[in-house]
Amino acid sequence: MVKYIRLTQDDVQSFVNVTSKCDFDIDISYNRYKVDAKSFLGVYGMDFQRPLKVSYDGYNQELEELLKKFAVAC
């Protein structure tokens, strides 16, 4: 699945907490810059002025709710 979100620096901790509970890989990226969404430093280093692309191949209800909260239309 691929979803687009927008985060602020204040949202990073809650985002990483939820992604860390998932037993599947989750990547977050923009342009050619791609990091593990379970890495606090990786996510914190993203450009928060841009919509971020979240890619994953599993299902977790808490993750889906979080992505819906941060969703943007692209």
PDB file of N, CA and C in Angstrom:
ATOM      1  N   MET A   1       0.834  -1.176   0.000  1.00  0.00           N
ATOM      2  CA  MET A   1       0.000   0.000   0.000  1.00  0.00           C
ATOM      3  C   MET A   1       0.880   1.240   0.000  1.00  0.00           C
ATOM      4  N   VAL A   2       0.352   2.288  -0.532  1.00  0.00           N
ATOM      5  CA  VAL A   2       1.047   3.576  -0.545  1.00  0.00           C
ATOM      6  C   VAL A   2       0.064   4.645  -0.098  1.00  0.00           C
ATOM      7  N   LYS A   3       0.474   5.435   0.874  1.00  0.00           N
ATOM      8  CA  LYS A   3      -0.349   6.547   1.360  1.00  0.00           C
ATOM      9  C   LYS A   3       0.544   7.776   1.463  1.00  0.00           C
ATOM     10  N   TYR A   4      -0.073   8.951   1.352  1.00  0.00           N
ATOM     11  CA  TYR A   4       0.659  10.207   1.473  1.00  0.00           C
ATOM     12  C   TYR A   4       0.200  10.924   2.732  1.00  0.00           C
ATOM     13  N   ILE A   5       1.170  11.395   3.507  1.00  0.00           N
ATOM     14  CA  ILE A   5       0.874  12.064   4.771  1.00  0.00           C
ATOM     15  C   ILE A   5       1.694  13.344   4.879  1.00  0.00           C
ATOM     16  N   ARG A   6       1.323  14.146   5.845  1.00  0.00           N
ATOM     17  CA  ARG A   6       2.110  15.329   6.192  1.00  0.00           C
ATOM     18  C   ARG A   6       2.302  15.301   7.706  1.00  0.00           C
ATOM     19  N   LEU A   7       3.553  15.359   8.125  1.00  0.00           N
ATOM     20  CA  LEU A   7       3.904  15.334   9.544  1.00  0.00           C
ATOM     21  C   LEU A   7       4.503  16.667   9.962  1.00  0.00           C
ATOM     22  N   THR A   8       4.468  16.918  11.251  1.00  0.00           N
ATOM     23  CA  THR A   8       5.226  18.021  11.836  1.00  0.00           C
ATOM     24  C   THR A   8       6.283  17.388  12.737  1.00  0.00           C
ATOM     25  N   GLN A   9       7.204  18.174  13.204  1.00  0.00           N
ATOM     26  CA  GLN A   9       8.233  17.653  14.100  1.00  0.00           C
ATOM     27  C   GLN A   9       7.613  17.083  15.374  1.00  0.00           C
ATOM     28  N   ASP A  10       6.502  17.643  15.805  1.00  0.00           N
ATOM     29  CA  ASP A  10       5.833  17.167  17.015  1.00  0.00           C
ATOM     30  C   ASP A  10       5.150  15.815  16.809  1.00  0.00           C
ATOM     31  N   ASP A  11       4.843  15.462  15.562  1.00  0.00           N
ATOM     32  CA  ASP A  11       4.143  14.210  15.254  1.00  0.00           C
ATOM     33  C   ASP A  11       5.081  13.011  15.149  1.00  0.00           C
ATOM     34  N   VAL A  12       6.368  13.252  15.023  1.00  0.00           N
ATOM     35  CA  VAL A  12       7.321  12.175  14.728  1.00  0.00           C
ATOM     36  C   VAL A  12       7.307  11.080  15.793  1.00  0.00           C
ATOM     37  N   GLN A  13       7.322  11.442  17.061  1.00  0.00           N
ATOM     38  CA  GLN A  13       7.389  10.440  18.129  1.00  0.00           C
ATOM     39  C   GLN A  13       6.177   9.509  18.093  1.00  0.00           C
ATOM     40  N   SER A  14       4.980  10.057  17.953  1.00  0.00           N
ATOM     41  CA  SER A  14       3.788   9.200  17.915  1.00  0.00           C
ATOM     42  C   SER A  14       3.773   8.339  16.651  1.00  0.00           C
ATOM     43  N   PHE A  15       4.239   8.888  15.531  1.00  0.00           N
ATOM     44  CA  PHE A  15       4.296   8.128  14.284  1.00  0.00           C
ATOM     45  C   PHE A  15       5.247   6.936  14.428  1.00  0.00           C
ATOM     46  N   VAL A  16       6.439   7.171  14.950  1.00  0.00           N
ATOM     47  CA  VAL A  16       7.433   6.102  15.114  1.00  0.00           C
ATOM     48  C   VAL A  16       6.967   5.077  16.141  1.00  0.00           C
ATOM     49  N   ASN A  17       6.298   5.511  17.192  1.00  0.00           N
ATOM     50  CA  ASN A  17       5.777   4.569  18.186  1.00  0.00           C
ATOM     51  C   ASN A  17       4.803   3.580  17.553  1.00  0.00           C
ATOM     52  N   VAL A  18       3.928   4.057  16.689  1.00  0.00           N
ATOM     53  CA  VAL A  18       2.946   3.186  16.039  1.00  0.00           C
ATOM     54  C   VAL A  18       3.630   2.284  15.011  1.00  0.00           C
ATOM     55  N   THR A  19       4.509   2.831  14.187  1.00  0.00           N
ATOM     56  CA  THR A  19       5.149   2.005  13.157  1.00  0.00           C
ATOM     57  C   THR A  19       6.042   0.937  13.775  1.00  0.00           C
ATOM     58  N   SER A  20       6.637   1.220  14.926  1.00  0.00           N
ATOM     59  CA  SER A  20       7.518   0.253  15.575  1.00  0.00           C
ATOM     60  C   SER A  20       6.769  -0.980  16.071  1.00  0.00           C
ATOM     61  N   LYS A  21       5.487  -0.868  16.279  1.00  0.00           N
ATOM     62  CA  LYS A  21       4.660  -1.993  16.732  1.00  0.00           C
ATOM     63  C   LYS A  21       4.281  -2.936  15.593  1.00  0.00           C
ATOM     64  N   CYS A  22       4.493  -2.534  14.359  1.00  0.00           N
ATOM     65  CA  CYS A  22       4.098  -3.335  13.198  1.00  0.00           C
ATOM     66  C   CYS A  22       5.162  -4.385  12.887  1.00  0.00           C
ATOM     67  N   ASP A  23       4.722  -5.573  12.488  1.00  0.00           N
ATOM     68  CA  ASP A  23       5.663  -6.661  12.207  1.00  0.00           C
ATOM     69  C   ASP A  23       5.997  -6.780  10.720  1.00  0.00           C
ATOM     70  N   PHE A  24       5.840  -5.695   9.985  1.00  0.00           N
ATOM     71  CA  PHE A  24       6.175  -5.650   8.567  1.00  0.00           C
ATOM     72  C   PHE A  24       6.962  -4.369   8.299  1.00  0.00           C
ATOM     73  N   ASP A  25       7.653  -4.341   7.156  1.00  0.00           N
ATOM     74  CA  ASP A  25       8.480  -3.187   6.811  1.00  0.00           C
ATOM     75  C   ASP A  25       7.619  -2.003   6.391  1.00  0.00           C
ATOM     76  N   ILE A  26       8.030  -0.825   6.819  1.00  0.00           N
ATOM     77  CA  ILE A  26       7.361   0.422   6.454  1.00  0.00           C
ATOM     78  C   ILE A  26       8.446   1.413   6.071  1.00  0.00           C
ATOM     79  N   ASP A  27       8.310   1.988   4.893  1.00  0.00           N
ATOM     80  CA  ASP A  27       9.262   2.995   4.429  1.00  0.00           C
ATOM     81  C   ASP A  27       8.541   4.327   4.295  1.00  0.00           C
ATOM     82  N   ILE A  28       9.274   5.405   4.514  1.00  0.00           N
ATOM     83  CA  ILE A  28       8.743   6.748   4.313  1.00  0.00           C
ATOM     84  C   ILE A  28       9.732   7.482   3.410  1.00  0.00           C
ATOM     85  N   SER A  29       9.210   8.191   2.416  1.00  0.00           N
ATOM     86  CA  SER A  29      10.106   8.791   1.434  1.00  0.00           C
ATOM     87  C   SER A  29       9.515  10.051   0.809  1.00  0.00           C
ATOM     88  N   TYR A  30      10.389  10.797   0.167  1.00  0.00           N
ATOM     89  CA  TYR A  30      10.026  11.870  -0.756  1.00  0.00           C
ATOM     90  C   TYR A  30      11.165  11.978  -1.747  1.00  0.00           C
ATOM     91  N   ASN A  31      10.830  12.276  -2.986  1.00  0.00           N
ATOM     92  CA  ASN A  31      11.799  12.252  -4.079  1.00  0.00           C
ATOM     93  C   ASN A  31      12.577  10.936  -4.039  1.00  0.00           C
ATOM     94  N   ARG A  32      13.889  10.996  -3.951  1.00  0.00           N
ATOM     95  CA  ARG A  32      14.698   9.769  -3.902  1.00  0.00           C
ATOM     96  C   ARG A  32      15.205   9.463  -2.499  1.00  0.00           C
ATOM     97  N   TYR A  33      14.811  10.235  -1.516  1.00  0.00           N
ATOM     98  CA  TYR A  33      15.233  10.051  -0.128  1.00  0.00           C
ATOM     99  C   TYR A  33      14.257   9.087   0.551  1.00  0.00           C
ATOM    100  N   LYS A  34      14.751   7.946   1.032  1.00  0.00           N
ATOM    101  CA  LYS A  34      13.894   6.908   1.606  1.00  0.00           C
ATOM    102  C   LYS A  34      14.501   6.394   2.903  1.00  0.00           C
ATOM    103  N   VAL A  35      13.675   6.296   3.968  1.00  0.00           N
ATOM    104  CA  VAL A  35      14.159   5.808   5.258  1.00  0.00           C
ATOM    105  C   VAL A  35      13.159   4.811   5.847  1.00  0.00           C
ATOM    106  N   ASP A  36      13.631   4.072   6.819  1.00  0.00           N
ATOM    107  CA  ASP A  36      12.790   3.149   7.579  1.00  0.00           C
ATOM    108  C   ASP A  36      11.875   3.978   8.480  1.00  0.00           C
ATOM    109  N   ALA A  37      10.570   3.762   8.379  1.00  0.00           N
ATOM    110  CA  ALA A  37       9.611   4.546   9.164  1.00  0.00           C
ATOM    111  C   ALA A  37       9.650   4.200  10.648  1.00  0.00           C
ATOM    112  N   LYS A  38      10.399   3.180  11.024  1.00  0.00           N
ATOM    113  CA  LYS A  38      10.528   2.805  12.433  1.00  0.00           C
ATOM    114  C   LYS A  38      11.727   3.484  13.093  1.00  0.00           C
ATOM    115  N   SER A  39      12.462   4.270  12.320  1.00  0.00           N
ATOM    116  CA  SER A  39      13.655   4.964  12.810  1.00  0.00           C
ATOM    117  C   SER A  39      13.315   6.409  13.163  1.00  0.00           C
ATOM    118  N   PHE A  40      13.414   6.744  14.445  1.00  0.00           N
ATOM    119  CA  PHE A  40      13.104   8.108  14.874  1.00  0.00           C
ATOM    120  C   PHE A  40      13.990   9.128  14.162  1.00  0.00           C
ATOM    121  N   LEU A  41      15.297   8.884  14.161  1.00  0.00           N
ATOM    122  CA  LEU A  41      16.211   9.845  13.528  1.00  0.00           C
ATOM    123  C   LEU A  41      15.977   9.938  12.028  1.00  0.00           C
ATOM    124  N   GLY A  42      15.682   8.813  11.386  1.00  0.00           N
ATOM    125  CA  GLY A  42      15.406   8.828   9.952  1.00  0.00           C
ATOM    126  C   GLY A  42      14.188   9.666   9.623  1.00  0.00           C
ATOM    127  N   VAL A  43      13.097   9.439  10.353  1.00  0.00           N
ATOM    128  CA  VAL A  43      11.854  10.184  10.101  1.00  0.00           C
ATOM    129  C   VAL A  43      12.036  11.650  10.481  1.00  0.00           C
ATOM    130  N   TYR A  44      12.713  11.911  11.590  1.00  0.00           N
ATOM    131  CA  TYR A  44      12.915  13.288  12.035  1.00  0.00           C
ATOM    132  C   TYR A  44      13.741  14.090  11.027  1.00  0.00           C
ATOM    133  N   GLY A  45      14.565  13.419  10.247  1.00  0.00           N
ATOM    134  CA  GLY A  45      15.394  14.084   9.245  1.00  0.00           C
ATOM    135  C   GLY A  45      14.678  14.383   7.943  1.00  0.00           C
ATOM    136  N   MET A  46      13.406  13.997   7.838  1.00  0.00           N
ATOM    137  CA  MET A  46      12.660  14.233   6.602  1.00  0.00           C
ATOM    138  C   MET A  46      12.313  15.718   6.456  1.00  0.00           C
ATOM    139  N   ASP A  47      11.955  16.105   5.253  1.00  0.00           N
ATOM    140  CA  ASP A  47      11.525  17.474   4.972  1.00  0.00           C
ATOM    141  C   ASP A  47      10.029  17.568   5.258  1.00  0.00           C
ATOM    142  N   PHE A  48       9.635  18.215   6.338  1.00  0.00           N
ATOM    143  CA  PHE A  48       8.237  18.274   6.749  1.00  0.00           C
ATOM    144  C   PHE A  48       7.413  19.271   5.936  1.00  0.00           C
ATOM    145  N   GLN A  49       8.041  19.982   5.023  1.00  0.00           N
ATOM    146  CA  GLN A  49       7.314  20.912   4.158  1.00  0.00           C
ATOM    147  C   GLN A  49       6.663  20.182   2.980  1.00  0.00           C
ATOM    148  N   ARG A  50       7.049  18.929   2.766  1.00  0.00           N
ATOM    149  CA  ARG A  50       6.558  18.149   1.629  1.00  0.00           C
ATOM    150  C   ARG A  50       5.630  17.033   2.100  1.00  0.00           C
ATOM    151  N   PRO A  51       4.710  16.613   1.211  1.00  0.00           N
ATOM    152  CA  PRO A  51       3.956  15.393   1.517  1.00  0.00           C
ATOM    153  C   PRO A  51       4.923  14.212   1.503  1.00  0.00           C
ATOM    154  N   LEU A  52       4.774  13.314   2.441  1.00  0.00           N
ATOM    155  CA  LEU A  52       5.654  12.153   2.561  1.00  0.00           C
ATOM    156  C   LEU A  52       4.914  10.902   2.110  1.00  0.00           C
ATOM    157  N   LYS A  53       5.605  10.052   1.389  1.00  0.00           N
ATOM    158  CA  LYS A  53       5.032   8.816   0.863  1.00  0.00           C
ATOM    159  C   LYS A  53       5.347   7.671   1.825  1.00  0.00           C
ATOM    160  N   VAL A  54       4.310   6.993   2.303  1.00  0.00           N
ATOM    161  CA  VAL A  54       4.477   5.860   3.210  1.00  0.00           C
ATOM    162  C   VAL A  54       4.132   4.593   2.435  1.00  0.00           C
ATOM    163  N   SER A  55       5.090   3.661   2.366  1.00  0.00           N
ATOM    164  CA  SER A  55       4.910   2.404   1.638  1.00  0.00           C
ATOM    165  C   SER A  55       5.017   1.238   2.608  1.00  0.00           C
ATOM    166  N   TYR A  56       4.066   0.293   2.507  1.00  0.00           N
ATOM    167  CA  TYR A  56       4.075  -0.873   3.392  1.00  0.00           C
ATOM    168  C   TYR A  56       3.247  -1.995   2.781  1.00  0.00           C
ATOM    169  N   ASP A  57       3.454  -3.217   3.266  1.00  0.00           N
ATOM    170  CA  ASP A  57       2.772  -4.388   2.719  1.00  0.00           C
ATOM    171  C   ASP A  57       2.092  -5.222   3.790  1.00  0.00           C
ATOM    172  N   GLY A  58       1.556  -4.604   4.787  1.00  0.00           N
ATOM    173  CA  GLY A  58       0.883  -5.333   5.855  1.00  0.00           C
ATOM    174  C   GLY A  58      -0.320  -4.548   6.328  1.00  0.00           C
ATOM    175  N   TYR A  59      -0.955  -5.046   7.403  1.00  0.00           N
ATOM    176  CA  TYR A  59      -2.113  -4.349   7.953  1.00  0.00           C
ATOM    177  C   TYR A  59      -1.997  -4.267   9.466  1.00  0.00           C
ATOM    178  N   ASN A  60      -2.263  -3.075   9.994  1.00  0.00           N
ATOM    179  CA  ASN A  60      -2.324  -2.835  11.419  1.00  0.00           C
ATOM    180  C   ASN A  60      -3.361  -1.732  11.618  1.00  0.00           C
ATOM    181  N   GLN A  61      -4.381  -2.005  12.410  1.00  0.00           N
ATOM    182  CA  GLN A  61      -5.485  -1.054  12.598  1.00  0.00           C
ATOM    183  C   GLN A  61      -5.002   0.291  13.137  1.00  0.00           C
ATOM    184  N   GLU A  62      -4.111   0.263  14.107  1.00  0.00           N
ATOM    185  CA  GLU A  62      -3.603   1.505  14.693  1.00  0.00           C
ATOM    186  C   GLU A  62      -2.836   2.329  13.657  1.00  0.00           C
ATOM    187  N   LEU A  63      -2.067   1.651  12.806  1.00  0.00           N
ATOM    188  CA  LEU A  63      -1.332   2.342  11.736  1.00  0.00           C
ATOM    189  C   LEU A  63      -2.307   2.979  10.747  1.00  0.00           C
ATOM    190  N   GLU A  64      -3.342   2.247  10.362  1.00  0.00           N
ATOM    191  CA  GLU A  64      -4.326   2.779   9.407  1.00  0.00           C
ATOM    192  C   GLU A  64      -5.004   4.032   9.959  1.00  0.00           C
ATOM    193  N   GLU A  65      -5.343   4.024  11.232  1.00  0.00           N
ATOM    194  CA  GLU A  65      -5.973   5.190  11.856  1.00  0.00           C
ATOM    195  C   GLU A  65      -5.017   6.376  11.902  1.00  0.00           C
ATOM    196  N   LEU A  66      -3.756   6.102  12.204  1.00  0.00           N
ATOM    197  CA  LEU A  66      -2.756   7.163  12.247  1.00  0.00           C
ATOM    198  C   LEU A  66      -2.539   7.770  10.853  1.00  0.00           C
ATOM    199  N   LEU A  67      -2.433   6.925   9.840  1.00  0.00           N
ATOM    200  CA  LEU A  67      -2.241   7.422   8.475  1.00  0.00           C
ATOM    201  C   LEU A  67      -3.442   8.231   8.012  1.00  0.00           C
ATOM    202  N   LYS A  68      -4.621   7.831   8.422  1.00  0.00           N
ATOM    203  CA  LYS A  68      -5.828   8.583   8.066  1.00  0.00           C
ATOM    204  C   LYS A  68      -5.792   9.966   8.713  1.00  0.00           C
ATOM    205  N   LYS A  69      -5.294  10.025   9.940  1.00  0.00           N
ATOM    206  CA  LYS A  69      -5.189  11.299  10.663  1.00  0.00           C
ATOM    207  C   LYS A  69      -4.237  12.277   9.963  1.00  0.00           C
ATOM    208  N   PHE A  70      -3.137  11.756   9.429  1.00  0.00           N
ATOM    209  CA  PHE A  70      -2.121  12.600   8.796  1.00  0.00           C
ATOM    210  C   PHE A  70      -2.259  12.679   7.271  1.00  0.00           C
ATOM    211  N   ALA A  71      -3.284  12.087   6.706  1.00  0.00           N
ATOM    212  CA  ALA A  71      -3.429  11.965   5.246  1.00  0.00           C
ATOM    213  C   ALA A  71      -3.535  13.333   4.555  1.00  0.00           C
ATOM    214  N   VAL A  72      -2.987  13.382   3.341  1.00  0.00           N
ATOM    215  CA  VAL A  72      -3.123  14.553   2.468  1.00  0.00           C
ATOM    216  C   VAL A  72      -3.542  14.054   1.093  1.00  0.00           C
ATOM    217  N   ALA A  73      -4.204  14.915   0.363  1.00  0.00           N
ATOM    218  CA  ALA A  73      -4.599  14.569  -1.002  1.00  0.00           C
ATOM    219  C   ALA A  73      -3.465  14.922  -1.940  1.00  0.00           C
ATOM    220  N   CYS A  74      -3.073  13.980  -2.771  1.00  0.00           N
ATOM    221  CA  CYS A  74      -1.994  14.230  -3.745  1.00  0.00           C
ATOM    222  C   CYS A  74      -2.476  13.914  -5.141  1.00  0.00           C
TER     223      CYS A  74
END
